[in-house]
Amino acid sequence: MEDVRIYDFECNLLHIEHDIASCNWSLYENDIGTFEMHFSPESPLVQVAVENRYLVAVQGEKQAIITGRQFGVEGVLYGRTCNWILTRFCVCETFDTRTLAETGELPSQDAKTVCMYLIQKGMGDIPNFVFEENAGTVFGDVYLQNKQVTTVFELVQSCMKQDGGGHRVFFDIKEKKWCFILTKGKMLSTILSEDNRNVHEQEYMADLQNFFSGGYFEMPIADMGNWNVFNNLPTLHNGFADNYAKGYKVCLDKEATGHSFIRRFDITFYDGDYIVCTTKDGVWRKADSLDSFIEQISPELSGIYGWKTKLDGNSEEVAKRSLAQYTESSRVSLKTKGFVFGQDYQLGDSVMQRFEKGDFSTCMSRKITGVHLWYEPNDIGEQPIFEEELN
């Protein structure tokens, strides 16, 4: 097991711990990882940990900010990976990236440019916290908005989730600085399978409980103002697709027209009625209000297979995004062997996995979103953490 080196936030080495009982790490592509180390309570590290609030533990390439200490029959240090520091700072400005791009505050809406903006807004006053460039890495456009006080971590995580990448913070001891780094995984040529003897204890699981192919949502009616039914102003036409989800309050000047009602579009209207369109064929109808109406996204199948559910959102576009979450989930659990973190794969990489049982065979791409590493008495190992859903 590698020694664990303890530094203060100014990159000064305070202690090297050799006598480690156990050490566990969980690292993630786009989330905050964990660290836990058990050691002798007689170690000088106890005094170092008590006297210094701000510490970083480094074991090889792995780094964590110490967030907890426990001393009794043994010494224990708890930590979080260095991107945890992003949770200590906030962005207070209200913004959305589309508007920022239109006004010129953002030269581009790609994930890298957006993250640079977030770091500058939330942590720009820290002289030794720097944004490290990713030469040659391509980042896609994202949309991000902020309406309240939000941590830098939450915004960065959301941004990189949209782009399918990740991030980390590197504690650069040699250069005495903190580096914010964006990451993008690659597709590996490795195939994980029992035949290739790099996995064991594979198990396939599928669940239909969250599956729907159609649903209902509330569609609001846009209030277009008043409609003079006698003069047909503004001019309305029946059967126009543009009428959909619009409504007007009917105005009838009984003194000027001498009528208490008027018929248009084969409908009898009285003063104070409402005219609305709730169908995509653009046909008007009379209503008592401009309340929203129930709209449907038709399921792919019919009859006993036409499963529908309540959907979020107040537009068809948002409802379809809500529906996309209702899928049949499937996953394969497995344990790897001879597949080494930092050597055979990095966080964010994808790998092909083949599963075979009897006549059933499937091959799918799995993204590695994290890794668990442990150094226990008589047991040292690691296990990649794969993106859960296969679909």
Protein backbone atom coordinates (compact mmCIF):
# COMPACT_ATOMS: atom_id res chain seq x y z
CA MET A 1 0.00 0.00 0.00
CA GLU A 2 1.25 3.48 -0.89
CA ASP A 3 1.95 5.93 1.92
CA VAL A 4 -0.54 8.72 2.54
CA ARG A 5 0.96 12.21 2.56
CA ILE A 6 -0.76 15.02 4.45
CA TYR A 7 -0.48 18.63 3.24
CA ASP A 8 -1.96 21.93 4.31
CA PHE A 9 -3.81 24.05 1.76
CA GLU A 10 -0.58 25.94 0.99
CA CYS A 11 0.99 22.69 -0.26
CA ASN A 12 3.30 22.27 2.76
CA LEU A 13 4.00 18.63 3.65
CA LEU A 14 3.03 18.08 7.29
CA HIS A 15 3.18 14.29 7.69
CA ILE A 16 3.76 10.99 5.88
CA GLU A 17 1.73 8.07 7.25
CA HIS A 18 3.28 4.62 6.71
CA ASP A 19 1.38 2.50 9.24
CA ILE A 20 -2.06 2.35 7.62
CA ALA A 21 -4.60 -0.21 8.80
CA SER A 22 -6.98 0.35 5.88
CA CYS A 23 -7.75 2.90 3.21
CA ASN A 24 -10.85 3.21 0.99
CA TRP A 25 -11.49 5.51 -1.96
CA SER A 26 -14.54 6.09 -4.15
CA LEU A 27 -13.84 8.28 -7.17
CA TYR A 28 -16.38 9.64 -9.68
CA GLU A 29 -16.33 11.22 -13.11
CA ASN A 30 -18.82 14.00 -12.34
CA ASP A 31 -19.52 13.75 -8.62
CA ILE A 32 -17.76 14.08 -5.27
CA GLY A 33 -15.82 11.01 -4.18
CA THR A 34 -14.97 9.77 -0.68
CA PHE A 35 -11.87 8.83 1.31
CA GLU A 36 -11.52 6.95 4.60
CA MET A 37 -8.29 5.94 6.31
CA HIS A 38 -7.79 4.00 9.58
CA PHE A 39 -4.47 4.19 11.42
CA SER A 40 -2.89 3.86 14.85
CA PRO A 41 -4.04 6.39 17.49
CA GLU A 42 -0.39 6.63 18.56
CA SER A 43 0.62 8.13 15.22
CA PRO A 44 1.89 11.76 15.12
CA LEU A 45 -0.83 12.24 12.51
CA VAL A 46 -3.34 12.63 15.35
CA GLN A 47 -1.71 15.85 16.49
CA VAL A 48 -1.34 17.11 12.94
CA ALA A 49 -5.03 16.46 12.25
CA VAL A 50 -6.16 18.13 15.49
CA GLU A 51 -4.02 21.26 15.07
CA ASN A 52 -4.80 21.85 11.36
CA ARG A 53 -8.33 22.37 10.08
CA TYR A 54 -7.47 22.53 6.37
CA LEU A 55 -5.70 19.39 5.16
CA VAL A 56 -5.33 17.40 1.95
CA ALA A 57 -4.52 13.67 1.89
CA VAL A 58 -2.58 12.37 -1.12
CA GLN A 59 -2.05 8.70 -1.93
CA GLY A 60 -0.34 8.32 -5.29
CA GLU A 61 -2.59 10.11 -7.81
CA LYS A 62 -5.59 10.13 -5.46
CA GLN A 63 -6.36 13.27 -3.44
CA ALA A 64 -8.96 14.24 -0.85
CA ILE A 65 -9.73 17.19 1.41
CA ILE A 66 -10.03 16.03 5.02
CA THR A 67 -13.56 16.76 6.24
CA GLY A 68 -13.75 14.60 9.39
CA ARG A 69 -11.51 13.25 12.18
CA GLN A 70 -12.19 10.55 14.73
CA PHE A 71 -9.80 9.36 17.46
CA GLY A 72 -10.44 6.57 19.97
CA VAL A 73 -9.26 2.98 19.86
CA GLU A 74 -8.04 3.89 16.38
CA GLY A 75 -7.49 7.00 14.32
CA VAL A 76 -9.79 7.70 11.37
CA LEU A 77 -9.67 10.43 8.75
CA TYR A 78 -12.62 11.05 6.45
CA GLY A 79 -12.41 13.09 3.28
CA ARG A 80 -13.95 14.13 0.00
CA THR A 81 -12.23 14.41 -3.36
CA CYS A 82 -10.82 17.85 -4.06
CA ASN A 83 -13.78 18.95 -6.22
CA TRP A 84 -15.67 19.11 -2.90
CA ILE A 85 -14.11 22.59 -2.59
CA LEU A 86 -16.61 23.70 -5.27
CA THR A 87 -19.42 23.21 -2.74
CA ARG A 88 -17.89 25.90 -0.53
CA PHE A 89 -18.50 28.70 -3.06
CA CYS A 90 -21.67 30.00 -4.71
CA VAL A 91 -22.93 31.83 -7.78
CA CYS A 92 -25.52 34.46 -6.85
CA GLU A 93 -26.20 36.04 -10.24
CA THR A 94 -29.43 35.30 -12.07
CA PHE A 95 -28.61 34.24 -15.62
CA ASP A 96 -29.27 31.89 -18.47
CA THR A 97 -26.57 31.00 -20.95
CA ARG A 98 -28.66 31.79 -24.04
CA THR A 99 -29.13 35.38 -22.93
CA LEU A 100 -25.48 35.66 -21.92
CA ALA A 101 -24.46 34.56 -25.40
CA GLU A 102 -26.87 37.02 -27.05
CA THR A 103 -25.49 39.92 -25.01
CA GLY A 104 -21.88 38.91 -25.66
CA GLU A 105 -20.97 38.01 -22.08
CA LEU A 106 -20.40 34.44 -23.25
CA PRO A 107 -18.44 34.04 -26.50
CA SER A 108 -19.84 30.52 -26.84
CA GLN A 109 -22.36 28.24 -25.14
CA ASP A 110 -20.12 25.16 -25.11
CA ALA A 111 -19.59 23.39 -21.77
CA LYS A 112 -16.00 24.58 -21.39
CA THR A 113 -16.87 28.26 -21.86
CA VAL A 114 -19.85 27.98 -19.51
CA CYS A 115 -17.72 26.33 -16.80
CA MET A 116 -15.09 29.05 -17.17
CA TYR A 117 -17.85 31.60 -16.58
CA LEU A 118 -19.05 29.70 -13.47
CA ILE A 119 -15.57 29.42 -11.98
CA GLN A 120 -14.92 33.10 -12.59
CA LYS A 121 -18.23 34.14 -10.99
CA GLY A 122 -17.93 31.87 -7.97
CA MET A 123 -14.19 31.58 -7.36
CA GLY A 124 -12.55 34.26 -9.46
CA ASP A 125 -11.10 36.02 -6.42
CA ILE A 126 -8.91 33.02 -5.46
CA PRO A 127 -5.50 33.74 -7.05
CA ASN A 128 -4.16 30.17 -7.00
CA PHE A 129 -7.38 28.50 -8.22
CA VAL A 130 -6.98 28.16 -11.98
CA PHE A 131 -8.95 26.78 -14.91
CA GLU A 132 -6.77 24.30 -16.81
CA GLU A 133 -7.17 24.26 -20.58
CA ASN A 134 -8.09 21.04 -22.40
CA ALA A 135 -6.24 21.26 -25.68
CA GLY A 136 -7.85 19.16 -28.39
CA THR A 137 -10.93 18.22 -26.35
CA VAL A 138 -14.26 19.09 -27.99
CA PHE A 139 -17.17 20.23 -25.82
CA GLY A 140 -20.76 20.54 -26.98
CA ASP A 141 -23.24 23.36 -26.37
CA VAL A 142 -25.28 23.33 -23.16
CA TYR A 143 -28.10 25.37 -21.66
CA LEU A 144 -27.84 26.46 -18.05
CA GLN A 145 -29.83 28.89 -15.94
CA ASN A 146 -29.55 30.13 -12.38
CA LYS A 147 -32.39 31.78 -10.47
CA GLN A 148 -31.08 31.58 -6.93
CA VAL A 149 -27.94 31.12 -4.85
CA THR A 150 -26.39 27.91 -6.16
CA THR A 151 -23.07 26.25 -5.37
CA VAL A 152 -20.42 26.21 -8.06
CA PHE A 153 -20.40 22.41 -7.80
CA GLU A 154 -24.12 22.04 -8.60
CA LEU A 155 -23.85 24.26 -11.67
CA VAL A 156 -20.67 22.61 -12.95
CA GLN A 157 -22.10 19.13 -12.40
CA SER A 158 -25.30 20.04 -14.28
CA CYS A 159 -23.31 21.60 -17.12
CA MET A 160 -21.05 18.57 -17.61
CA LYS A 161 -23.91 16.10 -17.25
CA GLN A 162 -25.54 17.72 -20.27
CA ASP A 163 -22.31 17.41 -22.24
CA GLY A 164 -21.65 13.82 -21.18
CA GLY A 165 -18.36 14.66 -19.46
CA GLY A 166 -16.96 15.21 -16.02
CA HIS A 167 -14.71 17.38 -13.91
CA ARG A 168 -12.11 17.22 -11.16
CA VAL A 169 -9.96 19.51 -9.04
CA PHE A 170 -6.25 18.71 -8.88
CA PHE A 171 -4.17 19.84 -5.89
CA ASP A 172 -0.91 20.78 -7.66
CA ILE A 173 1.72 20.53 -4.94
CA LYS A 174 4.66 21.36 -7.17
CA GLU A 175 3.13 24.55 -8.60
CA LYS A 176 1.25 25.41 -5.36
CA LYS A 177 -2.13 25.86 -6.99
CA TRP A 178 -5.56 24.26 -7.34
CA CYS A 179 -6.48 23.27 -10.91
CA PHE A 180 -10.04 22.88 -12.17
CA ILE A 181 -10.07 20.35 -15.01
CA LEU A 182 -12.83 19.21 -17.37
CA THR A 183 -12.71 15.60 -18.54
CA LYS A 184 -14.08 13.65 -21.49
CA GLY A 185 -13.84 9.88 -21.63
CA LYS A 186 -13.06 7.77 -24.68
CA MET A 187 -14.34 4.51 -26.14
CA LEU A 188 -12.00 1.64 -25.29
CA SER A 189 -11.38 -1.38 -27.51
CA THR A 190 -11.57 -3.70 -24.48
CA ILE A 191 -14.47 -6.15 -24.29
CA LEU A 192 -15.45 -7.25 -20.80
CA SER A 193 -16.77 -10.81 -20.81
CA GLU A 194 -16.39 -14.10 -19.01
CA ASP A 195 -14.88 -15.57 -22.18
CA ASN A 196 -12.11 -12.95 -21.99
CA ARG A 197 -11.66 -13.78 -18.31
CA ASN A 198 -11.73 -10.13 -17.23
CA VAL A 199 -15.10 -10.33 -15.44
CA HIS A 200 -16.86 -12.74 -13.13
CA GLU A 201 -20.16 -12.97 -11.23
CA GLN A 202 -22.13 -11.35 -14.04
CA GLU A 203 -25.86 -10.92 -13.49
CA TYR A 204 -28.49 -9.47 -15.83
CA MET A 205 -31.52 -7.62 -14.40
CA ALA A 206 -34.50 -5.95 -16.10
CA ASP A 207 -37.50 -4.10 -14.64
CA LEU A 208 -40.69 -3.02 -16.44
CA GLN A 209 -42.32 -1.10 -13.56
CA ASN A 210 -41.15 2.33 -14.75
CA PHE A 211 -42.11 1.82 -18.42
CA PHE A 212 -44.75 3.91 -20.21
CA SER A 213 -44.93 4.82 -23.89
CA GLY A 214 -47.56 7.57 -23.63
CA GLY A 215 -49.09 9.97 -21.16
CA TYR A 216 -51.10 13.04 -20.24
CA PHE A 217 -50.06 16.57 -19.33
CA GLU A 218 -51.74 19.91 -18.64
CA MET A 219 -51.55 22.32 -21.56
CA PRO A 220 -52.09 26.00 -20.68
CA ILE A 221 -54.17 28.27 -22.90
CA ALA A 222 -52.46 31.48 -23.92
CA ASP A 223 -54.59 34.52 -23.04
CA MET A 224 -54.70 36.54 -26.28
CA GLY A 225 -56.88 39.33 -24.85
CA ASN A 226 -60.35 40.44 -25.95
CA TRP A 227 -62.16 39.43 -29.15
CA ASN A 228 -64.89 41.65 -30.64
CA VAL A 229 -67.25 38.96 -31.85
CA PHE A 230 -69.44 41.38 -33.88
CA ASN A 231 -66.58 42.84 -35.95
CA ASN A 232 -64.38 39.72 -35.66
CA LEU A 233 -61.45 41.76 -34.35
CA PRO A 234 -58.80 40.55 -34.17
CA THR A 235 -59.66 38.48 -37.21
CA LEU A 236 -60.09 34.81 -36.34
CA HIS A 237 -60.41 31.90 -38.73
CA ASN A 238 -61.64 28.43 -37.99
CA GLY A 239 -59.49 25.39 -38.72
CA PHE A 240 -56.08 27.15 -38.60
CA ALA A 241 -53.36 25.16 -36.84
CA ASP A 242 -52.03 28.39 -35.33
CA ASN A 243 -55.19 28.63 -33.20
CA TYR A 244 -54.04 25.74 -30.99
CA ALA A 245 -53.80 26.47 -27.25
CA LYS A 246 -54.99 30.05 -27.62
CA GLY A 247 -58.03 31.78 -26.15
CA TYR A 248 -59.87 35.12 -26.13
CA LYS A 249 -62.51 36.76 -23.96
CA VAL A 250 -65.64 37.51 -26.00
CA CYS A 251 -66.76 41.16 -26.05
CA LEU A 252 -70.21 42.08 -27.33
CA ASP A 253 -71.36 45.72 -27.24
CA LYS A 254 -75.07 45.08 -26.88
CA GLU A 255 -75.97 48.80 -27.04
CA ALA A 256 -74.07 49.31 -30.29
CA THR A 257 -75.16 46.09 -31.99
CA GLY A 258 -78.63 45.76 -30.53
CA HIS A 259 -78.02 42.05 -29.93
CA SER A 260 -77.53 40.04 -26.74
CA PHE A 261 -75.74 37.28 -28.63
CA ILE A 262 -74.04 36.64 -31.96
CA ARG A 263 -73.26 33.45 -33.84
CA ARG A 264 -69.88 32.85 -35.40
CA PHE A 265 -68.24 29.58 -36.45
CA ASP A 266 -71.67 27.95 -35.79
CA ILE A 267 -71.34 28.90 -32.12
CA THR A 268 -73.61 31.22 -30.15
CA PHE A 269 -71.55 33.70 -28.13
CA TYR A 270 -72.68 35.98 -25.28
CA ASP A 271 -70.72 38.82 -23.75
CA GLY A 272 -68.15 37.47 -21.28
CA ASP A 273 -67.84 34.03 -22.88
CA TYR A 274 -64.47 32.69 -23.96
CA ILE A 275 -63.42 31.25 -27.30
CA VAL A 276 -60.63 28.68 -27.12
CA CYS A 277 -58.90 26.08 -29.27
CA THR A 278 -57.86 22.83 -27.58
CA THR A 279 -57.33 20.66 -30.65
CA LYS A 280 -54.51 20.71 -33.19
CA ASP A 281 -56.99 20.93 -36.08
CA GLY A 282 -57.50 24.57 -35.08
CA VAL A 283 -61.26 24.40 -34.49
CA TRP A 284 -62.65 26.98 -32.06
CA ARG A 285 -65.08 26.18 -29.27
CA LYS A 286 -66.84 28.12 -26.51
CA ALA A 287 -65.60 27.89 -22.92
CA ASP A 288 -66.31 29.35 -19.48
CA SER A 289 -62.66 30.19 -18.75
CA LEU A 290 -59.11 30.04 -20.04
CA ASP A 291 -58.15 27.15 -17.77
CA SER A 292 -55.59 24.67 -19.00
CA PHE A 293 -56.75 21.45 -20.65
CA ILE A 294 -55.53 17.86 -20.65
CA GLU A 295 -53.41 16.90 -23.65
CA GLN A 296 -52.13 13.47 -24.60
CA ILE A 297 -48.98 11.98 -26.09
CA SER A 298 -50.26 8.81 -27.71
CA PRO A 299 -48.50 5.56 -26.74
CA GLU A 300 -46.61 3.59 -29.35
CA LEU A 301 -48.91 0.58 -28.90
CA SER A 302 -52.66 0.27 -28.35
CA GLY A 303 -55.10 -1.82 -26.39
CA ILE A 304 -53.71 -3.67 -23.39
CA TYR A 305 -50.23 -2.42 -24.36
CA GLY A 306 -51.10 1.30 -24.53
CA TRP A 307 -49.66 2.28 -21.16
CA LYS A 308 -50.01 5.94 -20.19
CA THR A 309 -49.01 8.00 -17.16
CA LYS A 310 -49.12 11.57 -15.86
CA LEU A 311 -46.31 13.67 -17.32
CA ASP A 312 -44.53 16.77 -16.08
CA GLY A 313 -44.39 19.99 -18.06
CA ASN A 314 -46.76 22.46 -19.68
CA SER A 315 -45.78 21.94 -23.30
CA GLU A 316 -45.49 18.95 -25.60
CA GLU A 317 -41.71 19.36 -25.80
CA VAL A 318 -41.27 19.25 -22.01
CA ALA A 319 -43.78 16.41 -21.67
CA LYS A 320 -41.87 14.33 -24.20
CA ARG A 321 -38.68 14.84 -22.19
CA SER A 322 -40.61 13.69 -19.12
CA LEU A 323 -41.87 10.63 -21.00
CA ALA A 324 -38.33 9.72 -22.04
CA GLN A 325 -37.58 8.93 -18.38
CA TYR A 326 -40.21 6.18 -18.27
CA THR A 327 -38.21 3.37 -19.80
CA GLU A 328 -37.71 -0.29 -19.13
CA SER A 329 -34.53 -0.41 -17.07
CA SER A 330 -31.96 -3.12 -17.53
CA ARG A 331 -28.47 -3.54 -16.18
CA VAL A 332 -25.70 -6.05 -15.78
CA SER A 333 -23.80 -6.29 -12.52
CA LEU A 334 -20.33 -7.77 -12.61
CA LYS A 335 -16.94 -7.86 -10.95
CA THR A 336 -13.83 -7.15 -12.97
CA LYS A 337 -10.39 -8.70 -12.72
CA GLY A 338 -7.15 -7.60 -14.32
CA PHE A 339 -8.83 -4.34 -15.40
CA VAL A 340 -6.77 -1.64 -13.71
CA PHE A 341 -7.80 1.97 -13.03
CA GLY A 342 -5.27 4.48 -14.39
CA GLN A 343 -3.73 1.81 -16.59
CA ASP A 344 -6.54 0.16 -18.56
CA TYR A 345 -9.20 2.83 -18.10
CA GLN A 346 -9.94 6.31 -16.75
CA LEU A 347 -13.12 7.77 -15.33
CA GLY A 348 -15.58 8.58 -18.09
CA ASP A 349 -14.27 5.94 -20.50
CA SER A 350 -16.70 3.52 -22.13
CA VAL A 351 -16.16 -0.17 -22.71
CA MET A 352 -18.07 -2.95 -24.46
CA GLN A 353 -19.55 -5.61 -22.21
CA ARG A 354 -20.77 -9.00 -23.43
CA PHE A 355 -23.20 -11.07 -21.40
CA GLU A 356 -24.10 -14.66 -22.29
CA LYS A 357 -26.33 -17.13 -20.48
CA GLY A 358 -27.66 -20.17 -22.31
CA ASP A 359 -29.06 -19.06 -25.68
CA PHE A 360 -29.34 -15.43 -24.53
CA SER A 361 -26.54 -13.07 -25.55
CA THR A 362 -26.25 -9.30 -25.50
CA CYS A 363 -23.45 -6.81 -26.02
CA MET A 364 -23.70 -3.23 -24.81
CA SER A 365 -21.59 -0.15 -24.24
CA ARG A 366 -21.07 0.72 -20.58
CA LYS A 367 -19.68 4.02 -19.32
CA ILE A 368 -17.38 3.97 -16.29
CA THR A 369 -18.62 6.76 -14.03
CA GLY A 370 -16.62 5.89 -10.92
CA VAL A 371 -14.33 3.42 -9.19
CA HIS A 372 -14.08 1.99 -5.69
CA LEU A 373 -10.54 1.20 -4.46
CA TRP A 374 -9.77 -0.52 -1.17
CA TYR A 375 -6.68 -1.42 0.80
CA GLU A 376 -7.74 -3.70 3.64
CA PRO A 377 -5.78 -6.23 5.71
CA ASN A 378 -5.11 -9.17 3.34
CA ASP A 379 -7.37 -7.66 0.68
CA ILE A 380 -6.48 -5.06 -1.94
CA GLY A 381 -8.79 -4.49 -4.88
CA GLU A 382 -10.84 -2.23 -7.09
CA GLN A 383 -14.21 -2.25 -8.81
CA PRO A 384 -15.30 0.10 -11.62
CA ILE A 385 -18.69 1.76 -11.15
CA PHE A 386 -20.72 1.66 -14.36
CA GLU A 387 -23.54 3.87 -15.50
CA GLU A 388 -26.55 2.11 -14.07
CA GLU A 389 -29.14 1.92 -16.82
CA LEU A 390 -28.52 0.10 -20.08
CA ASN A 391 -31.87 0.56 -21.91
